Amino acid sequence: MIEYSPFWKTLKESNESTYTLITKYHISSAIIDKLRKNKPMNTTTLNDLCRILNCSLEDIACYVPSEEDQKL
């Protein structure tokens, strides 16, 4: 499962907040909710977050094996 726990650490270490992501960068509150709940999101959004926070993808998301993953 893709998990966004690294995002919260990266955000905390940055000069940004969820408020600035929404108001300054027009990241929707639905995206913030997806990050909180580890829900799927599109790679364009991940790209935008990396650009805003000046970080790498691994600073936003990581893969954690889970029994909740869909069957292959």
PDB file of N, CA and C in Angstrom:
ATOM      1  N   MET A   1       0.843  -1.161   0.000  1.00  0.00           N
ATOM      2  CA  MET A   1       0.000   0.000   0.000  1.00  0.00           C
ATOM      3  C   MET A   1       0.897   1.236   0.000  1.00  0.00           C
ATOM      4  N   ILE A   2       0.508   2.225  -0.747  1.00  0.00           N
ATOM      5  CA  ILE A   2       1.239   3.490  -0.761  1.00  0.00           C
ATOM      6  C   ILE A   2       0.815   4.283   0.456  1.00  0.00           C
ATOM      7  N   GLU A   3       1.798   4.722   1.203  1.00  0.00           N
ATOM      8  CA  GLU A   3       1.540   5.452   2.444  1.00  0.00           C
ATOM      9  C   GLU A   3       2.178   6.837   2.344  1.00  0.00           C
ATOM     10  N   TYR A   4       1.506   7.821   2.909  1.00  0.00           N
ATOM     11  CA  TYR A   4       1.974   9.201   2.802  1.00  0.00           C
ATOM     12  C   TYR A   4       2.537   9.750   4.110  1.00  0.00           C
ATOM     13  N   SER A   5       2.954   8.882   5.017  1.00  0.00           N
ATOM     14  CA  SER A   5       3.538   9.363   6.271  1.00  0.00           C
ATOM     15  C   SER A   5       4.780  10.225   6.052  1.00  0.00           C
ATOM     16  N   PRO A   6       5.622   9.937   5.039  1.00  0.00           N
ATOM     17  CA  PRO A   6       6.768  10.827   4.823  1.00  0.00           C
ATOM     18  C   PRO A   6       6.350  12.266   4.475  1.00  0.00           C
ATOM     19  N   PHE A   7       5.191  12.403   3.831  1.00  0.00           N
ATOM     20  CA  PHE A   7       4.703  13.732   3.467  1.00  0.00           C
ATOM     21  C   PHE A   7       4.565  14.624   4.695  1.00  0.00           C
ATOM     22  N   TRP A   8       3.985  14.082   5.756  1.00  0.00           N
ATOM     23  CA  TRP A   8       3.706  14.883   6.956  1.00  0.00           C
ATOM     24  C   TRP A   8       4.992  15.348   7.626  1.00  0.00           C
ATOM     25  N   LYS A   9       6.000  14.500   7.612  1.00  0.00           N
ATOM     26  CA  LYS A   9       7.309  14.888   8.159  1.00  0.00           C
ATOM     27  C   LYS A   9       7.932  15.973   7.290  1.00  0.00           C
ATOM     28  N   THR A  10       7.880  15.789   5.980  1.00  0.00           N
ATOM     29  CA  THR A  10       8.439  16.763   5.044  1.00  0.00           C
ATOM     30  C   THR A  10       7.716  18.095   5.161  1.00  0.00           C
ATOM     31  N   LEU A  11       6.402  18.046   5.252  1.00  0.00           N
ATOM     32  CA  LEU A  11       5.620  19.276   5.397  1.00  0.00           C
ATOM     33  C   LEU A  11       5.996  20.009   6.683  1.00  0.00           C
ATOM     34  N   LYS A  12       6.124  19.276   7.769  1.00  0.00           N
ATOM     35  CA  LYS A  12       6.474  19.879   9.061  1.00  0.00           C
ATOM     36  C   LYS A  12       7.838  20.568   9.004  1.00  0.00           C
ATOM     37  N   GLU A  13       8.787  19.978   8.265  1.00  0.00           N
ATOM     38  CA  GLU A  13      10.136  20.527   8.159  1.00  0.00           C
ATOM     39  C   GLU A  13      10.229  21.674   7.154  1.00  0.00           C
ATOM     40  N   SER A  14       9.173  21.892   6.393  1.00  0.00           N
ATOM     41  CA  SER A  14       9.167  22.953   5.381  1.00  0.00           C
ATOM     42  C   SER A  14       8.592  24.244   5.959  1.00  0.00           C
ATOM     43  N   ASN A  15       8.559  25.264   5.125  1.00  0.00           N
ATOM     44  CA  ASN A  15       7.945  26.537   5.518  1.00  0.00           C
ATOM     45  C   ASN A  15       6.462  26.584   5.144  1.00  0.00           C
ATOM     46  N   GLU A  16       5.926  25.461   4.710  1.00  0.00           N
ATOM     47  CA  GLU A  16       4.538  25.393   4.255  1.00  0.00           C
ATOM     48  C   GLU A  16       3.669  24.709   5.308  1.00  0.00           C
ATOM     49  N   SER A  17       2.372  24.792   5.105  1.00  0.00           N
ATOM     50  CA  SER A  17       1.392  24.120   5.966  1.00  0.00           C
ATOM     51  C   SER A  17       0.253  23.654   5.071  1.00  0.00           C
ATOM     52  N   THR A  18      -0.670  22.898   5.633  1.00  0.00           N
ATOM     53  CA  THR A  18      -1.821  22.508   4.816  1.00  0.00           C
ATOM     54  C   THR A  18      -2.584  23.758   4.379  1.00  0.00           C
ATOM     55  N   TYR A  19      -2.602  24.767   5.227  1.00  0.00           N
ATOM     56  CA  TYR A  19      -3.282  26.019   4.884  1.00  0.00           C
ATOM     57  C   TYR A  19      -2.646  26.671   3.653  1.00  0.00           C
ATOM     58  N   THR A  20      -1.321  26.765   3.621  1.00  0.00           N
ATOM     59  CA  THR A  20      -0.670  27.392   2.458  1.00  0.00           C
ATOM     60  C   THR A  20      -0.792  26.514   1.211  1.00  0.00           C
ATOM     61  N   LEU A  21      -0.793  25.195   1.397  1.00  0.00           N
ATOM     62  CA  LEU A  21      -0.980  24.317   0.235  1.00  0.00           C
ATOM     63  C   LEU A  21      -2.334  24.599  -0.414  1.00  0.00           C
ATOM     64  N   ILE A  22      -3.347  24.800   0.418  1.00  0.00           N
ATOM     65  CA  ILE A  22      -4.692  25.044  -0.100  1.00  0.00           C
ATOM     66  C   ILE A  22      -4.838  26.463  -0.647  1.00  0.00           C
ATOM     67  N   THR A  23      -4.401  27.451   0.107  1.00  0.00           N
ATOM     68  CA  THR A  23      -4.655  28.842  -0.291  1.00  0.00           C
ATOM     69  C   THR A  23      -3.659  29.393  -1.292  1.00  0.00           C
ATOM     70  N   LYS A  24      -2.386  29.091  -1.118  1.00  0.00           N
ATOM     71  CA  LYS A  24      -1.355  29.651  -1.994  1.00  0.00           C
ATOM     72  C   LYS A  24      -1.146  28.810  -3.255  1.00  0.00           C
ATOM     73  N   TYR A  25      -1.192  27.479  -3.094  1.00  0.00           N
ATOM     74  CA  TYR A  25      -0.869  26.588  -4.215  1.00  0.00           C
ATOM     75  C   TYR A  25      -2.090  25.895  -4.819  1.00  0.00           C
ATOM     76  N   HIS A  26      -3.255  26.144  -4.260  1.00  0.00           N
ATOM     77  CA  HIS A  26      -4.521  25.612  -4.790  1.00  0.00           C
ATOM     78  C   HIS A  26      -4.585  24.091  -4.800  1.00  0.00           C
ATOM     79  N   ILE A  27      -3.949  23.480  -3.795  1.00  0.00           N
ATOM     80  CA  ILE A  27      -4.118  22.041  -3.583  1.00  0.00           C
ATOM     81  C   ILE A  27      -5.459  21.887  -2.874  1.00  0.00           C
ATOM     82  N   SER A  28      -6.309  21.033  -3.388  1.00  0.00           N
ATOM     83  CA  SER A  28      -7.657  20.936  -2.824  1.00  0.00           C
ATOM     84  C   SER A  28      -7.641  20.278  -1.441  1.00  0.00           C
ATOM     85  N   SER A  29      -8.657  20.596  -0.666  1.00  0.00           N
ATOM     86  CA  SER A  29      -8.792  19.963   0.652  1.00  0.00           C
ATOM     87  C   SER A  29      -9.048  18.460   0.494  1.00  0.00           C
ATOM     88  N   ALA A  30      -9.602  18.056  -0.639  1.00  0.00           N
ATOM     89  CA  ALA A  30      -9.810  16.628  -0.912  1.00  0.00           C
ATOM     90  C   ALA A  30      -8.464  15.902  -1.030  1.00  0.00           C
ATOM     91  N   ILE A  31      -7.476  16.556  -1.618  1.00  0.00           N
ATOM     92  CA  ILE A  31      -6.131  15.969  -1.731  1.00  0.00           C
ATOM     93  C   ILE A  31      -5.512  15.832  -0.339  1.00  0.00           C
ATOM     94  N   ILE A  32      -5.661  16.850   0.485  1.00  0.00           N
ATOM     95  CA  ILE A  32      -5.146  16.779   1.856  1.00  0.00           C
ATOM     96  C   ILE A  32      -5.800  15.610   2.592  1.00  0.00           C
ATOM     97  N   ASP A  33      -7.094  15.418   2.370  1.00  0.00           N
ATOM     98  CA  ASP A  33      -7.809  14.304   2.980  1.00  0.00           C
ATOM     99  C   ASP A  33      -7.274  12.966   2.471  1.00  0.00           C
ATOM    100  N   LYS A  34      -6.991  12.869   1.174  1.00  0.00           N
ATOM    101  CA  LYS A  34      -6.411  11.643   0.614  1.00  0.00           C
ATOM    102  C   LYS A  34      -5.053  11.352   1.246  1.00  0.00           C
ATOM    103  N   LEU A  35      -4.252  12.391   1.461  1.00  0.00           N
ATOM    104  CA  LEU A  35      -2.953  12.210   2.110  1.00  0.00           C
ATOM    105  C   LEU A  35      -3.132  11.695   3.542  1.00  0.00           C
ATOM    106  N   ARG A  36      -4.095  12.241   4.234  1.00  0.00           N
ATOM    107  CA  ARG A  36      -4.358  11.813   5.623  1.00  0.00           C
ATOM    108  C   ARG A  36      -4.790  10.349   5.690  1.00  0.00           C
ATOM    109  N   LYS A  37      -5.576   9.923   4.704  1.00  0.00           N
ATOM    110  CA  LYS A  37      -6.173   8.586   4.724  1.00  0.00           C
ATOM    111  C   LYS A  37      -5.446   7.579   3.838  1.00  0.00           C
ATOM    112  N   ASN A  38      -4.278   7.961   3.302  1.00  0.00           N
ATOM    113  CA  ASN A  38      -3.499   7.072   2.432  1.00  0.00           C
ATOM    114  C   ASN A  38      -4.320   6.538   1.263  1.00  0.00           C
ATOM    115  N   LYS A  39      -5.103   7.419   0.664  1.00  0.00           N
ATOM    116  CA  LYS A  39      -5.928   7.060  -0.487  1.00  0.00           C
ATOM    117  C   LYS A  39      -5.135   7.293  -1.773  1.00  0.00           C
ATOM    118  N   PRO A  40      -5.479   6.588  -2.850  1.00  0.00           N
ATOM    119  CA  PRO A  40      -4.770   6.769  -4.118  1.00  0.00           C
ATOM    120  C   PRO A  40      -4.921   8.198  -4.652  1.00  0.00           C
ATOM    121  N   MET A  41      -3.870   8.674  -5.286  1.00  0.00           N
ATOM    122  CA  MET A  41      -3.944   9.970  -5.966  1.00  0.00           C
ATOM    123  C   MET A  41      -3.084   9.919  -7.208  1.00  0.00           C
ATOM    124  N   ASN A  42      -3.291  10.881  -8.069  1.00  0.00           N
ATOM    125  CA  ASN A  42      -2.608  10.823  -9.350  1.00  0.00           C
ATOM    126  C   ASN A  42      -1.181  11.379  -9.259  1.00  0.00           C
ATOM    127  N   THR A  43      -0.349  10.915 -10.176  1.00  0.00           N
ATOM    128  CA  THR A  43       1.069  11.275 -10.133  1.00  0.00           C
ATOM    129  C   THR A  43       1.311  12.751 -10.421  1.00  0.00           C
ATOM    130  N   THR A  44       0.413  13.406 -11.113  1.00  0.00           N
ATOM    131  CA  THR A  44       0.545  14.852 -11.338  1.00  0.00           C
ATOM    132  C   THR A  44       0.501  15.590 -10.009  1.00  0.00           C
ATOM    133  N   THR A  45      -0.377  15.164  -9.126  1.00  0.00           N
ATOM    134  CA  THR A  45      -0.480  15.771  -7.795  1.00  0.00           C
ATOM    135  C   THR A  45       0.791  15.521  -6.999  1.00  0.00           C
ATOM    136  N   LEU A  46       1.309  14.298  -7.053  1.00  0.00           N
ATOM    137  CA  LEU A  46       2.559  13.992  -6.363  1.00  0.00           C
ATOM    138  C   LEU A  46       3.694  14.854  -6.909  1.00  0.00           C
ATOM    139  N   ASN A  47       3.717  15.032  -8.222  1.00  0.00           N
ATOM    140  CA  ASN A  47       4.709  15.892  -8.856  1.00  0.00           C
ATOM    141  C   ASN A  47       4.587  17.330  -8.329  1.00  0.00           C
ATOM    142  N   ASP A  48       3.372  17.833  -8.260  1.00  0.00           N
ATOM    143  CA  ASP A  48       3.145  19.188  -7.750  1.00  0.00           C
ATOM    144  C   ASP A  48       3.634  19.332  -6.315  1.00  0.00           C
ATOM    145  N   LEU A  49       3.339  18.354  -5.482  1.00  0.00           N
ATOM    146  CA  LEU A  49       3.774  18.410  -4.088  1.00  0.00           C
ATOM    147  C   LEU A  49       5.302  18.401  -3.976  1.00  0.00           C
ATOM    148  N   CYS A  50       5.953  17.586  -4.800  1.00  0.00           N
ATOM    149  CA  CYS A  50       7.424  17.562  -4.812  1.00  0.00           C
ATOM    150  C   CYS A  50       7.982  18.922  -5.219  1.00  0.00           C
ATOM    151  N   ARG A  51       7.380  19.543  -6.207  1.00  0.00           N
ATOM    152  CA  ARG A  51       7.826  20.872  -6.654  1.00  0.00           C
ATOM    153  C   ARG A  51       7.607  21.919  -5.572  1.00  0.00           C
ATOM    154  N   ILE A  52       6.439  21.903  -4.949  1.00  0.00           N
ATOM    155  CA  ILE A  52       6.118  22.885  -3.907  1.00  0.00           C
ATOM    156  C   ILE A  52       7.061  22.739  -2.720  1.00  0.00           C
ATOM    157  N   LEU A  53       7.296  21.513  -2.299  1.00  0.00           N
ATOM    158  CA  LEU A  53       8.109  21.259  -1.108  1.00  0.00           C
ATOM    159  C   LEU A  53       9.593  21.077  -1.425  1.00  0.00           C
ATOM    160  N   ASN A  54       9.923  21.150  -2.716  1.00  0.00           N
ATOM    161  CA  ASN A  54      11.314  21.001  -3.153  1.00  0.00           C
ATOM    162  C   ASN A  54      11.933  19.721  -2.576  1.00  0.00           C
ATOM    163  N   CYS A  55      11.273  18.602  -2.884  1.00  0.00           N
ATOM    164  CA  CYS A  55      11.716  17.330  -2.323  1.00  0.00           C
ATOM    165  C   CYS A  55      11.577  16.220  -3.364  1.00  0.00           C
ATOM    166  N   SER A  56      11.971  15.034  -2.981  1.00  0.00           N
ATOM    167  CA  SER A  56      11.856  13.851  -3.837  1.00  0.00           C
ATOM    168  C   SER A  56      10.576  13.095  -3.521  1.00  0.00           C
ATOM    169  N   LEU A  57      10.200  12.212  -4.425  1.00  0.00           N
ATOM    170  CA  LEU A  57       8.986  11.419  -4.235  1.00  0.00           C
ATOM    171  C   LEU A  57       9.030  10.634  -2.926  1.00  0.00           C
ATOM    172  N   GLU A  58      10.197  10.104  -2.586  1.00  0.00           N
ATOM    173  CA  GLU A  58      10.289   9.322  -1.349  1.00  0.00           C
ATOM    174  C   GLU A  58      10.130  10.179  -0.087  1.00  0.00           C
ATOM    175  N   ASP A  59      10.173  11.496  -0.248  1.00  0.00           N
ATOM    176  CA  ASP A  59       9.889  12.403   0.868  1.00  0.00           C
ATOM    177  C   ASP A  59       8.387  12.639   1.028  1.00  0.00           C
ATOM    178  N   ILE A  60       7.600  12.081   0.109  1.00  0.00           N
ATOM    179  CA  ILE A  60       6.148  12.253   0.126  1.00  0.00           C
ATOM    180  C   ILE A  60       5.427  10.923   0.326  1.00  0.00           C
ATOM    181  N   ALA A  61       5.937   9.868  -0.303  1.00  0.00           N
ATOM    182  CA  ALA A  61       5.240   8.583  -0.278  1.00  0.00           C
ATOM    183  C   ALA A  61       6.223   7.430  -0.158  1.00  0.00           C
ATOM    184  N   CYS A  62       5.706   6.318   0.364  1.00  0.00           N
ATOM    185  CA  CYS A  62       6.503   5.094   0.415  1.00  0.00           C
ATOM    186  C   CYS A  62       5.564   3.898   0.246  1.00  0.00           C
ATOM    187  N   TYR A  63       6.144   2.787  -0.148  1.00  0.00           N
ATOM    188  CA  TYR A  63       5.365   1.558  -0.290  1.00  0.00           C
ATOM    189  C   TYR A  63       5.563   0.703   0.961  1.00  0.00           C
ATOM    190  N   VAL A  64       4.450   0.280   1.541  1.00  0.00           N
ATOM    191  CA  VAL A  64       4.482  -0.605   2.705  1.00  0.00           C
ATOM    192  C   VAL A  64       3.614  -1.813   2.367  1.00  0.00           C
ATOM    193  N   PRO A  65       4.213  -3.026   2.341  1.00  0.00           N
ATOM    194  CA  PRO A  65       3.402  -4.218   2.065  1.00  0.00           C
ATOM    195  C   PRO A  65       2.261  -4.321   3.079  1.00  0.00           C
ATOM    196  N   SER A  66       1.102  -4.736   2.582  1.00  0.00           N
ATOM    197  CA  SER A  66      -0.067  -4.793   3.443  1.00  0.00           C
ATOM    198  C   SER A  66      -1.005  -5.896   2.999  1.00  0.00           C
ATOM    199  N   GLU A  67      -1.685  -6.485   3.961  1.00  0.00           N
ATOM    200  CA  GLU A  67      -2.700  -7.497   3.664  1.00  0.00           C
ATOM    201  C   GLU A  67      -3.918  -6.842   2.985  1.00  0.00           C
ATOM    202  N   GLU A  68      -4.012  -5.512   3.076  1.00  0.00           N
ATOM    203  CA  GLU A  68      -5.136  -4.794   2.473  1.00  0.00           C
ATOM    204  C   GLU A  68      -4.939  -4.526   0.982  1.00  0.00           C
ATOM    205  N   ASP A  69      -3.729  -4.815   0.472  1.00  0.00           N
ATOM    206  CA  ASP A  69      -3.487  -4.642  -0.964  1.00  0.00           C
ATOM    207  C   ASP A  69      -4.436  -5.532  -1.756  1.00  0.00           C
ATOM    208  N   GLN A  70      -4.811  -5.051  -2.940  1.00  0.00           N
ATOM    209  CA  GLN A  70      -5.669  -5.866  -3.782  1.00  0.00           C
ATOM    210  C   GLN A  70      -4.905  -7.111  -4.247  1.00  0.00           C
ATOM    211  N   LYS A  71      -5.627  -8.175  -4.464  1.00  0.00           N
ATOM    212  CA  LYS A  71      -5.021  -9.424  -4.927  1.00  0.00           C
ATOM    213  C   LYS A  71      -4.557  -9.267  -6.359  1.00  0.00           C
ATOM    214  N   LEU A  72      -3.406  -9.860  -6.680  1.00  0.00           N
ATOM    215  CA  LEU A  72      -2.865  -9.819  -8.046  1.00  0.00           C
ATOM    216  C   LEU A  72      -3.269 -11.071  -8.798  1.00  0.00           C
TER     217      LEU A  72
END
